[in-house]
Amino acid sequence: MGQQESKAQPLSELKKLDPRYLAPEHVKGFEHHVAEGDGYSAWMLHKYYAHQHDPKAGEYLLLAANRGVPEAQCSYYAILIQNPDRKVRESAVIWLKKAAAQGYEPAKEWLGHHDEVLRLSDLRHASSQKP
């Protein structure tokens, strides 16, 4: 176990990297930190896999959101608000509220516009349905 711990780069060093262009050893380092419970590492892996259009991006996004990363919570909101199911769109606001409760300013701003975003989303989905 001690050997594996020494191989993982410190999170403070990994955070300096551009997540779109990670080397395999950096991916392994973030995976190590995710396994240790770090939400920010899940967020970085989400961005890495999203840049590659890899489905793993969604898994890491949800993991980061559940672990309290406000940027991930806002991103998850943005996905849910586009769902065709109105109940899903209505429930999306919980993610904004979680991010706003942490003091994340973009979430606070988005929260103020949620009703309008939901209304526009409803209109978009209503117009896309066939008669």
N, C-alpha and C. Protein backbone atom coordinates (compact mmCIF):
# COMPACT_ATOMS: atom_id res chain seq x y z
N MET A 1 0.82 -1.19 0.00
CA MET A 1 0.00 0.00 0.00
C MET A 1 0.86 1.25 0.00
N GLY A 2 1.93 1.28 0.74
CA GLY A 2 2.82 2.42 0.80
C GLY A 2 3.41 2.77 -0.55
N GLN A 3 3.71 1.75 -1.36
CA GLN A 3 4.27 2.01 -2.68
C GLN A 3 3.27 2.74 -3.57
N GLN A 4 1.99 2.29 -3.54
CA GLN A 4 0.99 2.93 -4.38
C GLN A 4 0.79 4.38 -3.97
N GLU A 5 0.79 4.66 -2.68
CA GLU A 5 0.63 6.02 -2.22
C GLU A 5 1.77 6.91 -2.71
N SER A 6 2.98 6.38 -2.73
CA SER A 6 4.12 7.20 -3.14
C SER A 6 4.10 7.46 -4.64
N LYS A 7 3.41 6.63 -5.42
CA LYS A 7 3.34 6.83 -6.86
C LYS A 7 2.35 7.93 -7.25
N ALA A 8 1.33 8.14 -6.45
CA ALA A 8 0.33 9.15 -6.78
C ALA A 8 0.90 10.55 -6.55
N GLN A 9 0.79 11.37 -7.57
CA GLN A 9 1.24 12.75 -7.44
C GLN A 9 0.37 13.46 -6.43
N PRO A 10 0.94 14.38 -5.70
CA PRO A 10 0.12 15.16 -4.76
C PRO A 10 -0.98 15.91 -5.51
N LEU A 11 -2.15 15.98 -4.92
CA LEU A 11 -3.28 16.64 -5.56
C LEU A 11 -2.95 18.10 -5.87
N SER A 12 -2.20 18.75 -5.02
CA SER A 12 -1.85 20.15 -5.26
C SER A 12 -1.07 20.32 -6.58
N GLU A 13 -0.26 19.33 -6.92
CA GLU A 13 0.47 19.38 -8.19
C GLU A 13 -0.44 19.06 -9.37
N LEU A 14 -1.32 18.08 -9.19
CA LEU A 14 -2.22 17.68 -10.27
C LEU A 14 -3.20 18.80 -10.63
N LYS A 15 -3.61 19.57 -9.62
CA LYS A 15 -4.58 20.65 -9.86
C LYS A 15 -4.03 21.72 -10.80
N LYS A 16 -2.74 21.79 -10.96
CA LYS A 16 -2.11 22.80 -11.82
C LYS A 16 -2.20 22.42 -13.31
N LEU A 17 -2.57 21.18 -13.59
CA LEU A 17 -2.58 20.68 -14.96
C LEU A 17 -3.84 21.08 -15.71
N ASP A 18 -3.72 21.15 -17.03
CA ASP A 18 -4.88 21.37 -17.89
C ASP A 18 -5.56 20.01 -18.06
N PRO A 19 -6.78 19.85 -17.57
CA PRO A 19 -7.42 18.53 -17.59
C PRO A 19 -7.72 18.01 -19.00
N ARG A 20 -7.67 18.86 -19.99
CA ARG A 20 -7.93 18.38 -21.35
C ARG A 20 -6.77 17.56 -21.89
N TYR A 21 -5.58 17.77 -21.35
CA TYR A 21 -4.39 17.14 -21.90
C TYR A 21 -3.58 16.44 -20.81
N LEU A 22 -4.15 15.43 -20.23
CA LEU A 22 -3.46 14.71 -19.15
C LEU A 22 -2.67 13.54 -19.71
N ALA A 23 -1.50 13.33 -19.17
CA ALA A 23 -0.70 12.15 -19.49
C ALA A 23 -1.29 10.97 -18.71
N PRO A 24 -1.04 9.76 -19.17
CA PRO A 24 -1.58 8.58 -18.47
C PRO A 24 -1.25 8.54 -16.98
N GLU A 25 -0.05 8.98 -16.60
CA GLU A 25 0.29 8.95 -15.18
C GLU A 25 -0.53 9.97 -14.38
N HIS A 26 -0.94 11.06 -15.04
CA HIS A 26 -1.79 12.04 -14.36
C HIS A 26 -3.20 11.50 -14.18
N VAL A 27 -3.68 10.81 -15.20
CA VAL A 27 -5.01 10.19 -15.10
C VAL A 27 -5.00 9.21 -13.93
N LYS A 28 -3.95 8.40 -13.85
CA LYS A 28 -3.84 7.44 -12.74
C LYS A 28 -3.78 8.16 -11.39
N GLY A 29 -3.09 9.28 -11.36
CA GLY A 29 -3.01 10.05 -10.12
C GLY A 29 -4.38 10.56 -9.69
N PHE A 30 -5.13 11.11 -10.66
CA PHE A 30 -6.48 11.57 -10.33
C PHE A 30 -7.37 10.41 -9.92
N GLU A 31 -7.24 9.26 -10.62
CA GLU A 31 -8.04 8.09 -10.25
C GLU A 31 -7.74 7.67 -8.82
N HIS A 32 -6.48 7.75 -8.43
CA HIS A 32 -6.08 7.42 -7.06
C HIS A 32 -6.81 8.34 -6.08
N HIS A 33 -6.80 9.63 -6.37
CA HIS A 33 -7.43 10.59 -5.47
C HIS A 33 -8.96 10.44 -5.46
N VAL A 34 -9.55 10.07 -6.59
CA VAL A 34 -10.99 9.79 -6.63
C VAL A 34 -11.30 8.61 -5.71
N ALA A 35 -10.48 7.57 -5.80
CA ALA A 35 -10.68 6.38 -4.94
C ALA A 35 -10.55 6.75 -3.47
N GLU A 36 -9.79 7.79 -3.17
CA GLU A 36 -9.63 8.26 -1.79
C GLU A 36 -10.80 9.17 -1.37
N GLY A 37 -11.70 9.46 -2.31
CA GLY A 37 -12.88 10.25 -1.98
C GLY A 37 -12.87 11.69 -2.44
N ASP A 38 -11.88 12.09 -3.22
CA ASP A 38 -11.77 13.48 -3.63
C ASP A 38 -12.69 13.81 -4.80
N GLY A 39 -13.57 14.77 -4.59
CA GLY A 39 -14.50 15.18 -5.63
C GLY A 39 -13.85 16.00 -6.72
N TYR A 40 -12.88 16.84 -6.36
CA TYR A 40 -12.22 17.68 -7.36
C TYR A 40 -11.50 16.82 -8.41
N SER A 41 -10.94 15.71 -7.98
CA SER A 41 -10.27 14.81 -8.93
C SER A 41 -11.28 14.22 -9.91
N ALA A 42 -12.47 13.92 -9.42
CA ALA A 42 -13.52 13.43 -10.30
C ALA A 42 -13.90 14.50 -11.33
N TRP A 43 -13.93 15.76 -10.88
CA TRP A 43 -14.23 16.88 -11.78
C TRP A 43 -13.16 17.00 -12.87
N MET A 44 -11.91 16.87 -12.49
CA MET A 44 -10.81 16.94 -13.46
C MET A 44 -10.90 15.79 -14.47
N LEU A 45 -11.22 14.60 -13.98
CA LEU A 45 -11.36 13.47 -14.90
C LEU A 45 -12.58 13.65 -15.80
N HIS A 46 -13.63 14.24 -15.28
CA HIS A 46 -14.79 14.55 -16.13
C HIS A 46 -14.35 15.43 -17.30
N LYS A 47 -13.61 16.49 -17.00
CA LYS A 47 -13.18 17.40 -18.06
C LYS A 47 -12.24 16.71 -19.05
N TYR A 48 -11.37 15.86 -18.52
CA TYR A 48 -10.45 15.11 -19.39
C TYR A 48 -11.24 14.22 -20.36
N TYR A 49 -12.16 13.43 -19.82
CA TYR A 49 -12.92 12.51 -20.67
C TYR A 49 -13.91 13.24 -21.57
N ALA A 50 -14.46 14.35 -21.12
CA ALA A 50 -15.38 15.13 -21.96
C ALA A 50 -14.64 15.66 -23.19
N HIS A 51 -13.41 16.08 -22.99
CA HIS A 51 -12.60 16.58 -24.11
C HIS A 51 -12.37 15.48 -25.15
N GLN A 52 -12.36 14.25 -24.70
CA GLN A 52 -12.16 13.12 -25.60
C GLN A 52 -13.48 12.52 -26.09
N HIS A 53 -14.58 13.11 -25.68
CA HIS A 53 -15.92 12.60 -26.02
C HIS A 53 -16.11 11.16 -25.55
N ASP A 54 -15.57 10.87 -24.39
CA ASP A 54 -15.64 9.53 -23.79
C ASP A 54 -16.82 9.49 -22.82
N PRO A 55 -17.64 8.44 -22.89
CA PRO A 55 -18.79 8.33 -21.98
C PRO A 55 -18.43 8.34 -20.49
N LYS A 56 -17.18 8.05 -20.17
CA LYS A 56 -16.77 8.11 -18.76
C LYS A 56 -16.95 9.51 -18.18
N ALA A 57 -17.01 10.50 -19.05
CA ALA A 57 -17.17 11.89 -18.59
C ALA A 57 -18.42 12.04 -17.74
N GLY A 58 -19.50 11.43 -18.16
CA GLY A 58 -20.75 11.53 -17.41
C GLY A 58 -20.67 10.90 -16.04
N GLU A 59 -19.99 9.77 -15.96
CA GLU A 59 -19.82 9.09 -14.67
C GLU A 59 -19.04 9.97 -13.70
N TYR A 60 -17.99 10.58 -14.19
CA TYR A 60 -17.16 11.43 -13.33
C TYR A 60 -17.88 12.73 -12.97
N LEU A 61 -18.71 13.23 -13.89
CA LEU A 61 -19.47 14.44 -13.59
C LEU A 61 -20.43 14.19 -12.42
N LEU A 62 -21.18 13.10 -12.49
CA LEU A 62 -22.12 12.79 -11.42
C LEU A 62 -21.38 12.52 -10.11
N LEU A 63 -20.27 11.85 -10.19
CA LEU A 63 -19.47 11.58 -8.99
C LEU A 63 -18.99 12.89 -8.35
N ALA A 64 -18.49 13.79 -9.18
CA ALA A 64 -18.01 15.09 -8.67
C ALA A 64 -19.17 15.90 -8.08
N ALA A 65 -20.31 15.88 -8.75
CA ALA A 65 -21.48 16.62 -8.23
C ALA A 65 -21.91 16.05 -6.88
N ASN A 66 -21.96 14.74 -6.79
CA ASN A 66 -22.35 14.10 -5.53
C ASN A 66 -21.34 14.34 -4.41
N ARG A 67 -20.10 14.59 -4.79
CA ARG A 67 -19.06 14.85 -3.79
C ARG A 67 -18.91 16.34 -3.48
N GLY A 68 -19.85 17.14 -4.00
CA GLY A 68 -19.92 18.53 -3.59
C GLY A 68 -19.13 19.54 -4.39
N VAL A 69 -18.70 19.20 -5.59
CA VAL A 69 -17.96 20.16 -6.42
C VAL A 69 -18.98 21.08 -7.10
N PRO A 70 -19.01 22.36 -6.73
CA PRO A 70 -20.06 23.25 -7.24
C PRO A 70 -20.06 23.40 -8.77
N GLU A 71 -18.89 23.41 -9.39
CA GLU A 71 -18.85 23.49 -10.86
C GLU A 71 -19.53 22.28 -11.48
N ALA A 72 -19.32 21.12 -10.89
CA ALA A 72 -19.95 19.90 -11.39
C ALA A 72 -21.45 19.94 -11.15
N GLN A 73 -21.86 20.47 -10.02
CA GLN A 73 -23.28 20.57 -9.72
C GLN A 73 -23.98 21.47 -10.73
N CYS A 74 -23.34 22.57 -11.09
CA CYS A 74 -23.92 23.46 -12.10
C CYS A 74 -23.95 22.80 -13.48
N SER A 75 -22.91 22.08 -13.81
CA SER A 75 -22.87 21.38 -15.10
C SER A 75 -23.95 20.30 -15.17
N TYR A 76 -24.14 19.61 -14.07
CA TYR A 76 -25.18 18.58 -14.03
C TYR A 76 -26.56 19.21 -14.17
N TYR A 77 -26.76 20.35 -13.52
CA TYR A 77 -28.00 21.11 -13.68
C TYR A 77 -28.24 21.42 -15.17
N ALA A 78 -27.21 21.91 -15.84
CA ALA A 78 -27.33 22.31 -17.24
C ALA A 78 -27.73 21.13 -18.13
N ILE A 79 -27.31 19.94 -17.75
CA ILE A 79 -27.70 18.75 -18.51
C ILE A 79 -29.15 18.38 -18.20
N LEU A 80 -29.49 18.35 -16.93
CA LEU A 80 -30.83 17.94 -16.53
C LEU A 80 -31.91 18.89 -17.02
N ILE A 81 -31.62 20.16 -17.09
CA ILE A 81 -32.63 21.14 -17.48
C ILE A 81 -33.04 20.95 -18.94
N GLN A 82 -32.28 20.17 -19.70
CA GLN A 82 -32.60 19.91 -21.10
C GLN A 82 -33.31 18.58 -21.31
N ASN A 83 -33.55 17.85 -20.23
CA ASN A 83 -34.20 16.54 -20.33
C ASN A 83 -35.64 16.71 -20.82
N PRO A 84 -36.13 15.79 -21.65
CA PRO A 84 -37.51 15.90 -22.14
C PRO A 84 -38.57 15.72 -21.04
N ASP A 85 -38.24 15.07 -19.96
CA ASP A 85 -39.17 14.83 -18.86
C ASP A 85 -39.23 16.07 -17.96
N ARG A 86 -40.40 16.68 -17.87
CA ARG A 86 -40.54 17.91 -17.08
C ARG A 86 -40.18 17.70 -15.62
N LYS A 87 -40.50 16.56 -15.06
CA LYS A 87 -40.17 16.32 -13.65
C LYS A 87 -38.66 16.34 -13.43
N VAL A 88 -37.92 15.82 -14.39
CA VAL A 88 -36.46 15.86 -14.30
C VAL A 88 -35.99 17.31 -14.38
N ARG A 89 -36.58 18.07 -15.31
CA ARG A 89 -36.19 19.49 -15.45
C ARG A 89 -36.51 20.26 -14.17
N GLU A 90 -37.65 19.99 -13.57
CA GLU A 90 -38.01 20.68 -12.32
C GLU A 90 -37.05 20.32 -11.19
N SER A 91 -36.64 19.06 -11.15
CA SER A 91 -35.76 18.61 -10.06
C SER A 91 -34.31 19.09 -10.24
N ALA A 92 -33.98 19.55 -11.42
CA ALA A 92 -32.60 19.98 -11.70
C ALA A 92 -32.15 21.08 -10.75
N VAL A 93 -33.08 21.87 -10.27
CA VAL A 93 -32.75 23.02 -9.43
C VAL A 93 -32.06 22.60 -8.13
N ILE A 94 -32.25 21.38 -7.68
CA ILE A 94 -31.59 20.96 -6.44
C ILE A 94 -30.08 21.06 -6.55
N TRP A 95 -29.55 20.84 -7.77
CA TRP A 95 -28.10 20.91 -7.96
C TRP A 95 -27.61 22.34 -7.87
N LEU A 96 -28.41 23.28 -8.38
CA LEU A 96 -28.05 24.69 -8.24
C LEU A 96 -28.08 25.11 -6.78
N LYS A 97 -29.09 24.65 -6.08
CA LYS A 97 -29.21 25.01 -4.66
C LYS A 97 -28.02 24.48 -3.86
N LYS A 98 -27.56 23.28 -4.18
CA LYS A 98 -26.40 22.72 -3.49
C LYS A 98 -25.15 23.55 -3.75
N ALA A 99 -24.97 23.95 -5.00
CA ALA A 99 -23.79 24.75 -5.35
C ALA A 99 -23.89 26.15 -4.73
N ALA A 100 -25.07 26.74 -4.78
CA ALA A 100 -25.27 28.07 -4.21
C ALA A 100 -25.05 28.06 -2.70
N ALA A 101 -25.45 26.99 -2.05
CA ALA A 101 -25.28 26.88 -0.60
C ALA A 101 -23.81 26.88 -0.20
N GLN A 102 -22.94 26.55 -1.14
CA GLN A 102 -21.50 26.58 -0.88
C GLN A 102 -20.90 27.96 -1.19
N GLY A 103 -21.76 28.88 -1.60
CA GLY A 103 -21.29 30.21 -1.92
C GLY A 103 -20.81 30.38 -3.35
N TYR A 104 -21.08 29.41 -4.20
CA TYR A 104 -20.61 29.46 -5.59
C TYR A 104 -21.45 30.49 -6.36
N GLU A 105 -20.84 31.61 -6.71
CA GLU A 105 -21.55 32.75 -7.30
C GLU A 105 -22.31 32.43 -8.59
N PRO A 106 -21.72 31.69 -9.55
CA PRO A 106 -22.51 31.38 -10.76
C PRO A 106 -23.81 30.64 -10.43
N ALA A 107 -23.77 29.76 -9.46
CA ALA A 107 -24.98 29.01 -9.08
C ALA A 107 -26.02 29.96 -8.50
N LYS A 108 -25.58 30.91 -7.69
CA LYS A 108 -26.51 31.89 -7.13
C LYS A 108 -27.19 32.69 -8.24
N GLU A 109 -26.40 33.06 -9.24
CA GLU A 109 -26.96 33.82 -10.37
C GLU A 109 -27.93 32.96 -11.17
N TRP A 110 -27.51 31.74 -11.49
CA TRP A 110 -28.37 30.83 -12.25
C TRP A 110 -29.67 30.55 -11.51
N LEU A 111 -29.57 30.44 -10.20
CA LEU A 111 -30.74 30.15 -9.38
C LEU A 111 -31.80 31.23 -9.56
N GLY A 112 -31.36 32.46 -9.70
CA GLY A 112 -32.28 33.56 -9.92
C GLY A 112 -32.99 33.50 -11.26
N HIS A 113 -32.45 32.73 -12.19
CA HIS A 113 -33.02 32.63 -13.54
C HIS A 113 -33.65 31.26 -13.80
N HIS A 114 -33.67 30.39 -12.79
CA HIS A 114 -34.14 29.02 -13.01
C HIS A 114 -35.57 28.96 -13.55
N ASP A 115 -36.48 29.75 -12.99
CA ASP A 115 -37.87 29.69 -13.45
C ASP A 115 -37.99 30.04 -14.92
N GLU A 116 -37.23 31.04 -15.35
CA GLU A 116 -37.25 31.43 -16.76
C GLU A 116 -36.61 30.35 -17.63
N VAL A 117 -35.54 29.77 -17.18
CA VAL A 117 -34.88 28.68 -17.92
C VAL A 117 -35.84 27.49 -18.05
N LEU A 118 -36.52 27.17 -16.97
CA LEU A 118 -37.49 26.07 -17.00
C LEU A 118 -38.63 26.37 -17.98
N ARG A 119 -39.13 27.60 -17.95
CA ARG A 119 -40.21 27.99 -18.87
C ARG A 119 -39.76 27.88 -20.32
N LEU A 120 -38.57 28.37 -20.62
CA LEU A 120 -38.05 28.28 -21.99
C LEU A 120 -37.81 26.83 -22.40
N SER A 121 -37.35 26.04 -21.47
CA SER A 121 -37.14 24.62 -21.75
C SER A 121 -38.46 23.93 -22.04
N ASP A 122 -39.49 24.28 -21.28
CA ASP A 122 -40.83 23.73 -21.53
C ASP A 122 -41.31 24.08 -22.93
N LEU A 123 -41.11 25.34 -23.31
CA LEU A 123 -41.53 25.78 -24.64
C LEU A 123 -40.78 25.03 -25.74
N ARG A 124 -39.47 24.86 -25.52
CA ARG A 124 -38.66 24.15 -26.51
C ARG A 124 -39.13 22.72 -26.67
N HIS A 125 -39.40 22.06 -25.57
CA HIS A 125 -39.84 20.66 -25.64
C HIS A 125 -41.25 20.54 -26.20
N ALA A 126 -42.12 21.50 -25.89
CA ALA A 126 -43.47 21.47 -26.43
C ALA A 126 -43.47 21.65 -27.93
N SER A 127 -42.61 22.54 -28.43
CA SER A 127 -42.55 22.78 -29.88
C SER A 127 -41.88 21.65 -30.63
N SER A 128 -41.09 20.84 -29.94
CA SER A 128 -40.41 19.73 -30.63
C SER A 128 -41.26 18.46 -30.68
N GLN A 129 -42.35 18.45 -29.93
CA GLN A 129 -43.21 17.25 -29.93
C GLN A 129 -44.11 17.27 -31.14
N LYS A 130 -44.29 16.08 -31.71
CA LYS A 130 -45.14 15.96 -32.89
C LYS A 130 -46.60 15.94 -32.45
N PRO A 131 -47.48 16.53 -33.29
CA PRO A 131 -48.91 16.56 -32.95
C PRO A 131 -49.55 15.19 -32.95
